[in-house]
Amino acid sequence: MNTNKILLGGIAGGVAMFFLGWLIYGIVLADYLAANGNHCAMRPMEEFVWWAMIVSNITGGILFAVIINWSNTSGAMAGVKIGATVGLLFGISIDTSFYSMSDMFSGISHMLVDVIAYTVMSAIGAGIVAWVMGMVKK
């Protein structure tokens, strides 16, 4: 296992996913989420725990880097495929769990929008992970 590749790819992917989350959830879907989400468990943006959000995104990037390394794939498109697959499956798993046990989602369509958004974010993030890992020399 090449630790430098994994760390550099994972950090790059985590940074990308942080900004993709801001773009997708904070700008593109902001009005939809405001109109359809249950906000009683949500923090206002002024109270976000930023260090935890950063750790979450970096950890997600490193997870994709480990999966890409283990699968011996290379290239951004291979990363996009892995990210889309893992993101879709993980999104469905987590969101159906939340849907079954909470009122976080207003309905199935709200849940599906989140799954799609997370899948897109994961695909692009993992594509960047694979691209950066391909640039790092052994």
N, C-alpha and C. Protein backbone atom coordinates (compact mmCIF):
# COMPACT_ATOMS: atom_id res chain seq x y z
N MET A 1 0.86 -1.18 0.00
CA MET A 1 0.00 0.00 0.00
C MET A 1 0.90 1.23 0.00
N ASN A 2 0.61 2.16 -0.89
CA ASN A 2 1.37 3.39 -0.99
C ASN A 2 0.69 4.47 -0.17
N THR A 3 1.20 4.70 1.03
CA THR A 3 0.57 5.62 1.96
C THR A 3 0.54 7.05 1.44
N ASN A 4 1.62 7.49 0.78
CA ASN A 4 1.64 8.87 0.26
C ASN A 4 0.55 9.09 -0.78
N LYS A 5 0.39 8.13 -1.67
CA LYS A 5 -0.67 8.24 -2.68
C LYS A 5 -2.05 8.32 -2.03
N ILE A 6 -2.27 7.45 -1.07
CA ILE A 6 -3.57 7.41 -0.41
C ILE A 6 -3.83 8.71 0.33
N LEU A 7 -2.84 9.20 1.07
CA LEU A 7 -3.04 10.44 1.83
C LEU A 7 -3.24 11.64 0.91
N LEU A 8 -2.40 11.77 -0.11
CA LEU A 8 -2.53 12.92 -1.01
C LEU A 8 -3.85 12.86 -1.79
N GLY A 9 -4.17 11.68 -2.32
CA GLY A 9 -5.43 11.52 -3.04
C GLY A 9 -6.62 11.74 -2.12
N GLY A 10 -6.54 11.18 -0.92
CA GLY A 10 -7.63 11.31 0.04
C GLY A 10 -7.86 12.75 0.48
N ILE A 11 -6.78 13.47 0.74
CA ILE A 11 -6.92 14.87 1.15
C ILE A 11 -7.47 15.70 -0.01
N ALA A 12 -6.96 15.48 -1.21
CA ALA A 12 -7.48 16.22 -2.37
C ALA A 12 -8.97 15.92 -2.58
N GLY A 13 -9.34 14.66 -2.47
CA GLY A 13 -10.75 14.29 -2.61
C GLY A 13 -11.60 14.86 -1.49
N GLY A 14 -11.08 14.87 -0.27
CA GLY A 14 -11.81 15.43 0.85
C GLY A 14 -12.05 16.92 0.69
N VAL A 15 -11.03 17.64 0.22
CA VAL A 15 -11.19 19.08 -0.03
C VAL A 15 -12.23 19.30 -1.13
N ALA A 16 -12.14 18.49 -2.19
CA ALA A 16 -13.11 18.60 -3.28
C ALA A 16 -14.52 18.32 -2.79
N MET A 17 -14.68 17.29 -1.95
CA MET A 17 -16.01 16.94 -1.45
C MET A 17 -16.55 18.02 -0.52
N PHE A 18 -15.67 18.67 0.25
CA PHE A 18 -16.09 19.78 1.10
C PHE A 18 -16.71 20.88 0.24
N PHE A 19 -16.01 21.28 -0.82
CA PHE A 19 -16.52 22.35 -1.67
C PHE A 19 -17.71 21.90 -2.52
N LEU A 20 -17.72 20.64 -2.93
CA LEU A 20 -18.89 20.11 -3.65
C LEU A 20 -20.12 20.10 -2.75
N GLY A 21 -19.94 19.75 -1.48
CA GLY A 21 -21.05 19.78 -0.53
C GLY A 21 -21.61 21.18 -0.38
N TRP A 22 -20.71 22.16 -0.30
CA TRP A 22 -21.14 23.57 -0.22
C TRP A 22 -21.91 23.96 -1.48
N LEU A 23 -21.38 23.56 -2.65
CA LEU A 23 -22.03 23.91 -3.91
C LEU A 23 -23.38 23.21 -4.06
N ILE A 24 -23.39 21.89 -3.86
CA ILE A 24 -24.60 21.11 -4.10
C ILE A 24 -25.66 21.37 -3.03
N TYR A 25 -25.28 21.21 -1.76
CA TYR A 25 -26.26 21.35 -0.68
C TYR A 25 -26.48 22.80 -0.27
N GLY A 26 -25.41 23.58 -0.29
CA GLY A 26 -25.51 24.95 0.20
C GLY A 26 -26.01 25.96 -0.80
N ILE A 27 -25.86 25.67 -2.10
CA ILE A 27 -26.30 26.62 -3.12
C ILE A 27 -27.37 26.02 -4.02
N VAL A 28 -27.04 24.95 -4.74
CA VAL A 28 -27.95 24.39 -5.73
C VAL A 28 -29.25 23.88 -5.08
N LEU A 29 -29.14 23.14 -3.99
CA LEU A 29 -30.32 22.55 -3.36
C LEU A 29 -30.81 23.31 -2.13
N ALA A 30 -30.24 24.46 -1.84
CA ALA A 30 -30.57 25.18 -0.60
C ALA A 30 -32.06 25.47 -0.47
N ASP A 31 -32.68 26.00 -1.50
CA ASP A 31 -34.11 26.33 -1.43
C ASP A 31 -34.96 25.07 -1.30
N TYR A 32 -34.59 24.03 -2.06
CA TYR A 32 -35.34 22.77 -1.99
C TYR A 32 -35.26 22.17 -0.59
N LEU A 33 -34.06 22.14 -0.03
CA LEU A 33 -33.89 21.58 1.30
C LEU A 33 -34.59 22.42 2.37
N ALA A 34 -34.55 23.74 2.22
CA ALA A 34 -35.23 24.61 3.17
C ALA A 34 -36.74 24.38 3.15
N ALA A 35 -37.28 24.12 1.97
CA ALA A 35 -38.73 23.93 1.83
C ALA A 35 -39.17 22.53 2.22
N ASN A 36 -38.30 21.54 2.14
CA ASN A 36 -38.71 20.15 2.32
C ASN A 36 -38.11 19.44 3.53
N GLY A 37 -37.12 20.01 4.14
CA GLY A 37 -36.45 19.31 5.23
C GLY A 37 -37.05 19.60 6.59
N ASN A 38 -36.81 18.71 7.52
CA ASN A 38 -37.17 18.91 8.91
C ASN A 38 -35.95 19.52 9.59
N HIS A 39 -36.08 20.75 10.01
CA HIS A 39 -34.91 21.48 10.50
C HIS A 39 -34.74 21.47 12.01
N CYS A 40 -35.57 20.71 12.72
CA CYS A 40 -35.46 20.75 14.18
C CYS A 40 -34.16 20.14 14.69
N ALA A 41 -33.52 19.30 13.92
CA ALA A 41 -32.25 18.72 14.36
C ALA A 41 -31.05 19.40 13.70
N MET A 42 -31.30 20.41 12.88
CA MET A 42 -30.24 21.07 12.13
C MET A 42 -29.67 22.25 12.91
N ARG A 43 -28.37 22.41 12.83
CA ARG A 43 -27.74 23.59 13.39
C ARG A 43 -27.83 24.73 12.38
N PRO A 44 -27.97 25.95 12.84
CA PRO A 44 -27.82 27.08 11.92
C PRO A 44 -26.36 27.12 11.46
N MET A 45 -26.11 27.63 10.27
CA MET A 45 -24.76 27.62 9.72
C MET A 45 -23.76 28.30 10.67
N GLU A 46 -24.21 29.30 11.40
CA GLU A 46 -23.32 30.00 12.33
C GLU A 46 -22.85 29.09 13.47
N GLU A 47 -23.55 27.99 13.69
CA GLU A 47 -23.20 27.07 14.77
C GLU A 47 -22.60 25.75 14.27
N PHE A 48 -22.28 25.68 12.98
CA PHE A 48 -21.66 24.45 12.45
C PHE A 48 -20.37 24.16 13.21
N VAL A 49 -20.09 22.90 13.40
CA VAL A 49 -18.83 22.46 13.99
C VAL A 49 -17.89 22.15 12.82
N TRP A 50 -17.17 23.17 12.40
CA TRP A 50 -16.41 23.09 11.15
C TRP A 50 -15.32 22.03 11.18
N TRP A 51 -14.65 21.85 12.33
CA TRP A 51 -13.59 20.85 12.37
C TRP A 51 -14.16 19.46 12.10
N ALA A 52 -15.37 19.18 12.60
CA ALA A 52 -15.99 17.87 12.39
C ALA A 52 -16.39 17.68 10.93
N MET A 53 -16.87 18.75 10.29
CA MET A 53 -17.22 18.66 8.88
C MET A 53 -15.97 18.40 8.03
N ILE A 54 -14.87 19.06 8.38
CA ILE A 54 -13.61 18.86 7.65
C ILE A 54 -13.11 17.44 7.84
N VAL A 55 -13.13 16.94 9.07
CA VAL A 55 -12.71 15.55 9.34
C VAL A 55 -13.59 14.58 8.56
N SER A 56 -14.88 14.83 8.52
CA SER A 56 -15.80 13.96 7.77
C SER A 56 -15.43 13.90 6.29
N ASN A 57 -15.18 15.04 5.69
CA ASN A 57 -14.85 15.06 4.26
C ASN A 57 -13.49 14.45 3.96
N ILE A 58 -12.50 14.75 4.79
CA ILE A 58 -11.16 14.15 4.58
C ILE A 58 -11.24 12.64 4.75
N THR A 59 -11.97 12.18 5.76
CA THR A 59 -12.13 10.73 5.97
C THR A 59 -12.82 10.08 4.77
N GLY A 60 -13.84 10.74 4.22
CA GLY A 60 -14.49 10.22 3.02
C GLY A 60 -13.54 10.15 1.84
N GLY A 61 -12.71 11.17 1.68
CA GLY A 61 -11.72 11.15 0.60
C GLY A 61 -10.72 10.02 0.78
N ILE A 62 -10.26 9.81 2.01
CA ILE A 62 -9.31 8.72 2.28
C ILE A 62 -9.98 7.37 2.07
N LEU A 63 -11.25 7.24 2.42
CA LEU A 63 -11.98 5.99 2.16
C LEU A 63 -11.97 5.68 0.66
N PHE A 64 -12.27 6.68 -0.17
CA PHE A 64 -12.23 6.46 -1.61
C PHE A 64 -10.82 6.13 -2.08
N ALA A 65 -9.82 6.77 -1.51
CA ALA A 65 -8.43 6.49 -1.89
C ALA A 65 -8.05 5.05 -1.56
N VAL A 66 -8.47 4.56 -0.41
CA VAL A 66 -8.19 3.17 -0.03
C VAL A 66 -8.89 2.21 -0.98
N ILE A 67 -10.15 2.47 -1.29
CA ILE A 67 -10.90 1.60 -2.21
C ILE A 67 -10.25 1.60 -3.59
N ILE A 68 -9.86 2.77 -4.07
CA ILE A 68 -9.21 2.86 -5.39
C ILE A 68 -7.87 2.14 -5.37
N ASN A 69 -7.11 2.28 -4.29
CA ASN A 69 -5.83 1.59 -4.17
C ASN A 69 -6.04 0.07 -4.15
N TRP A 70 -6.98 -0.40 -3.35
CA TRP A 70 -7.24 -1.84 -3.25
C TRP A 70 -7.72 -2.43 -4.57
N SER A 71 -8.46 -1.64 -5.34
CA SER A 71 -9.00 -2.17 -6.60
C SER A 71 -8.00 -2.10 -7.75
N ASN A 72 -6.83 -1.53 -7.48
CA ASN A 72 -5.78 -1.40 -8.51
C ASN A 72 -6.28 -0.72 -9.77
N THR A 73 -7.15 0.25 -9.61
CA THR A 73 -7.62 1.01 -10.77
C THR A 73 -6.82 2.29 -10.87
N SER A 74 -6.87 2.89 -12.04
CA SER A 74 -6.19 4.17 -12.22
C SER A 74 -6.99 5.01 -13.20
N GLY A 75 -6.84 6.29 -13.07
CA GLY A 75 -7.52 7.22 -13.95
C GLY A 75 -8.77 7.80 -13.33
N ALA A 76 -9.05 9.02 -13.71
CA ALA A 76 -10.18 9.75 -13.13
C ALA A 76 -11.52 9.05 -13.41
N MET A 77 -11.70 8.52 -14.62
CA MET A 77 -12.99 7.88 -14.94
C MET A 77 -13.22 6.62 -14.10
N ALA A 78 -12.16 5.87 -13.83
CA ALA A 78 -12.30 4.71 -12.95
C ALA A 78 -12.71 5.18 -11.55
N GLY A 79 -12.13 6.29 -11.09
CA GLY A 79 -12.50 6.85 -9.80
C GLY A 79 -13.95 7.32 -9.78
N VAL A 80 -14.39 7.92 -10.88
CA VAL A 80 -15.78 8.38 -10.97
C VAL A 80 -16.73 7.19 -10.85
N LYS A 81 -16.41 6.10 -11.53
CA LYS A 81 -17.26 4.90 -11.47
C LYS A 81 -17.32 4.33 -10.06
N ILE A 82 -16.16 4.23 -9.43
CA ILE A 82 -16.11 3.72 -8.06
C ILE A 82 -16.87 4.65 -7.12
N GLY A 83 -16.65 5.95 -7.26
CA GLY A 83 -17.32 6.93 -6.40
C GLY A 83 -18.83 6.90 -6.58
N ALA A 84 -19.28 6.79 -7.83
CA ALA A 84 -20.72 6.76 -8.09
C ALA A 84 -21.34 5.50 -7.49
N THR A 85 -20.68 4.38 -7.64
CA THR A 85 -21.21 3.12 -7.12
C THR A 85 -21.25 3.12 -5.60
N VAL A 86 -20.12 3.46 -4.98
CA VAL A 86 -20.06 3.48 -3.52
C VAL A 86 -20.98 4.57 -2.96
N GLY A 87 -20.97 5.74 -3.59
CA GLY A 87 -21.83 6.84 -3.14
C GLY A 87 -23.30 6.49 -3.21
N LEU A 88 -23.70 5.87 -4.31
CA LEU A 88 -25.10 5.46 -4.46
C LEU A 88 -25.50 4.45 -3.38
N LEU A 89 -24.69 3.42 -3.22
CA LEU A 89 -25.02 2.38 -2.24
C LEU A 89 -25.00 2.92 -0.81
N PHE A 90 -23.98 3.72 -0.49
CA PHE A 90 -23.89 4.29 0.85
C PHE A 90 -25.03 5.28 1.09
N GLY A 91 -25.33 6.10 0.09
CA GLY A 91 -26.43 7.06 0.21
C GLY A 91 -27.76 6.37 0.45
N ILE A 92 -28.02 5.31 -0.31
CA ILE A 92 -29.27 4.57 -0.11
C ILE A 92 -29.30 3.94 1.28
N SER A 93 -28.18 3.35 1.70
CA SER A 93 -28.12 2.70 3.00
C SER A 93 -28.39 3.69 4.14
N ILE A 94 -27.70 4.80 4.14
CA ILE A 94 -27.84 5.77 5.22
C ILE A 94 -29.20 6.45 5.17
N ASP A 95 -29.60 6.89 3.96
CA ASP A 95 -30.85 7.65 3.87
C ASP A 95 -32.08 6.80 4.15
N THR A 96 -32.09 5.55 3.72
CA THR A 96 -33.25 4.71 4.06
C THR A 96 -33.27 4.43 5.56
N SER A 97 -32.10 4.34 6.17
CA SER A 97 -32.05 4.17 7.62
C SER A 97 -32.62 5.41 8.32
N PHE A 98 -32.19 6.60 7.90
CA PHE A 98 -32.75 7.83 8.46
C PHE A 98 -34.25 7.92 8.20
N TYR A 99 -34.67 7.57 7.00
CA TYR A 99 -36.09 7.64 6.64
C TYR A 99 -36.93 6.71 7.52
N SER A 100 -36.37 5.53 7.82
CA SER A 100 -37.12 4.55 8.61
C SER A 100 -37.24 4.94 10.08
N MET A 101 -36.27 5.68 10.61
CA MET A 101 -36.22 5.93 12.05
C MET A 101 -36.37 7.39 12.46
N SER A 102 -36.53 8.28 11.51
CA SER A 102 -36.62 9.70 11.87
C SER A 102 -37.60 10.41 10.93
N ASP A 103 -37.80 11.67 11.20
CA ASP A 103 -38.59 12.47 10.27
C ASP A 103 -37.71 13.54 9.61
N MET A 104 -36.45 13.18 9.42
CA MET A 104 -35.50 14.09 8.79
C MET A 104 -35.91 14.43 7.36
N PHE A 105 -36.42 13.44 6.63
CA PHE A 105 -36.87 13.64 5.25
C PHE A 105 -38.38 13.82 5.24
N SER A 106 -38.85 14.75 4.39
CA SER A 106 -40.28 15.00 4.32
C SER A 106 -41.02 13.93 3.52
N GLY A 107 -40.29 13.16 2.75
CA GLY A 107 -40.90 12.10 1.96
C GLY A 107 -39.83 11.37 1.16
N ILE A 108 -40.28 10.38 0.40
CA ILE A 108 -39.33 9.59 -0.39
C ILE A 108 -38.63 10.44 -1.43
N SER A 109 -39.34 11.39 -2.05
CA SER A 109 -38.69 12.22 -3.08
C SER A 109 -37.56 13.05 -2.47
N HIS A 110 -37.75 13.56 -1.27
CA HIS A 110 -36.69 14.30 -0.59
C HIS A 110 -35.49 13.40 -0.33
N MET A 111 -35.76 12.18 0.10
CA MET A 111 -34.70 11.22 0.33
C MET A 111 -33.95 10.90 -0.96
N LEU A 112 -34.68 10.70 -2.06
CA LEU A 112 -34.04 10.38 -3.34
C LEU A 112 -33.19 11.53 -3.85
N VAL A 113 -33.63 12.76 -3.64
CA VAL A 113 -32.82 13.92 -4.03
C VAL A 113 -31.49 13.89 -3.28
N ASP A 114 -31.53 13.55 -2.00
CA ASP A 114 -30.30 13.48 -1.22
C ASP A 114 -29.39 12.36 -1.71
N VAL A 115 -29.96 11.22 -2.04
CA VAL A 115 -29.16 10.10 -2.57
C VAL A 115 -28.48 10.51 -3.87
N ILE A 116 -29.22 11.14 -4.76
CA ILE A 116 -28.65 11.58 -6.04
C ILE A 116 -27.55 12.61 -5.80
N ALA A 117 -27.80 13.57 -4.92
CA ALA A 117 -26.81 14.60 -4.64
C ALA A 117 -25.53 13.98 -4.07
N TYR A 118 -25.68 13.04 -3.14
CA TYR A 118 -24.51 12.39 -2.55
C TYR A 118 -23.78 11.53 -3.58
N THR A 119 -24.51 10.89 -4.47
CA THR A 119 -23.88 10.09 -5.52
C THR A 119 -23.04 10.96 -6.44
N VAL A 120 -23.57 12.09 -6.84
CA VAL A 120 -22.82 13.02 -7.71
C VAL A 120 -21.59 13.53 -6.98
N MET A 121 -21.76 13.94 -5.74
CA MET A 121 -20.63 14.43 -4.95
C MET A 121 -19.55 13.36 -4.80
N SER A 122 -19.95 12.13 -4.54
CA SER A 122 -19.01 11.03 -4.38
C SER A 122 -18.30 10.70 -5.69
N ALA A 123 -19.03 10.71 -6.80
CA ALA A 123 -18.44 10.40 -8.09
C ALA A 123 -17.35 11.41 -8.45
N ILE A 124 -17.66 12.68 -8.30
CA ILE A 124 -16.67 13.71 -8.64
C ILE A 124 -15.50 13.67 -7.65
N GLY A 125 -15.81 13.53 -6.37
CA GLY A 125 -14.75 13.46 -5.36
C GLY A 125 -13.81 12.29 -5.59
N ALA A 126 -14.35 11.11 -5.87
CA ALA A 126 -13.51 9.93 -6.11
C ALA A 126 -12.75 10.05 -7.43
N GLY A 127 -13.34 10.72 -8.41
CA GLY A 127 -12.61 10.98 -9.66
C GLY A 127 -11.38 11.83 -9.40
N ILE A 128 -11.51 12.82 -8.55
CA ILE A 128 -10.36 13.67 -8.19
C ILE A 128 -9.34 12.87 -7.38
N VAL A 129 -9.82 12.02 -6.49
CA VAL A 129 -8.91 11.14 -5.73
C VAL A 129 -8.07 10.30 -6.70
N ALA A 130 -8.71 9.62 -7.64
CA ALA A 130 -7.99 8.75 -8.58
C ALA A 130 -7.05 9.56 -9.46
N TRP A 131 -7.47 10.74 -9.88
CA TRP A 131 -6.63 11.59 -10.73
C TRP A 131 -5.36 12.00 -9.97
N VAL A 132 -5.51 12.44 -8.71
CA VAL A 132 -4.35 12.85 -7.91
C VAL A 132 -3.46 11.64 -7.62
N MET A 133 -4.06 10.50 -7.30
CA MET A 133 -3.26 9.31 -7.03
C MET A 133 -2.47 8.88 -8.25
N GLY A 134 -3.03 9.09 -9.44
CA GLY A 134 -2.32 8.77 -10.67
C GLY A 134 -1.15 9.70 -10.95
N MET A 135 -1.19 10.90 -10.40
CA MET A 135 -0.12 11.87 -10.60
C MET A 135 1.06 11.65 -9.65
N VAL A 136 0.80 10.99 -8.51
CA VAL A 136 1.84 10.78 -7.51
C VAL A 136 2.73 9.63 -7.94
N LYS A 137 4.03 9.88 -7.96
CA LYS A 137 4.97 8.81 -8.35
C LYS A 137 5.22 7.88 -7.18
N LYS A 138 5.51 6.63 -7.51
CA LYS A 138 5.78 5.63 -6.47
C LYS A 138 7.09 5.91 -5.78
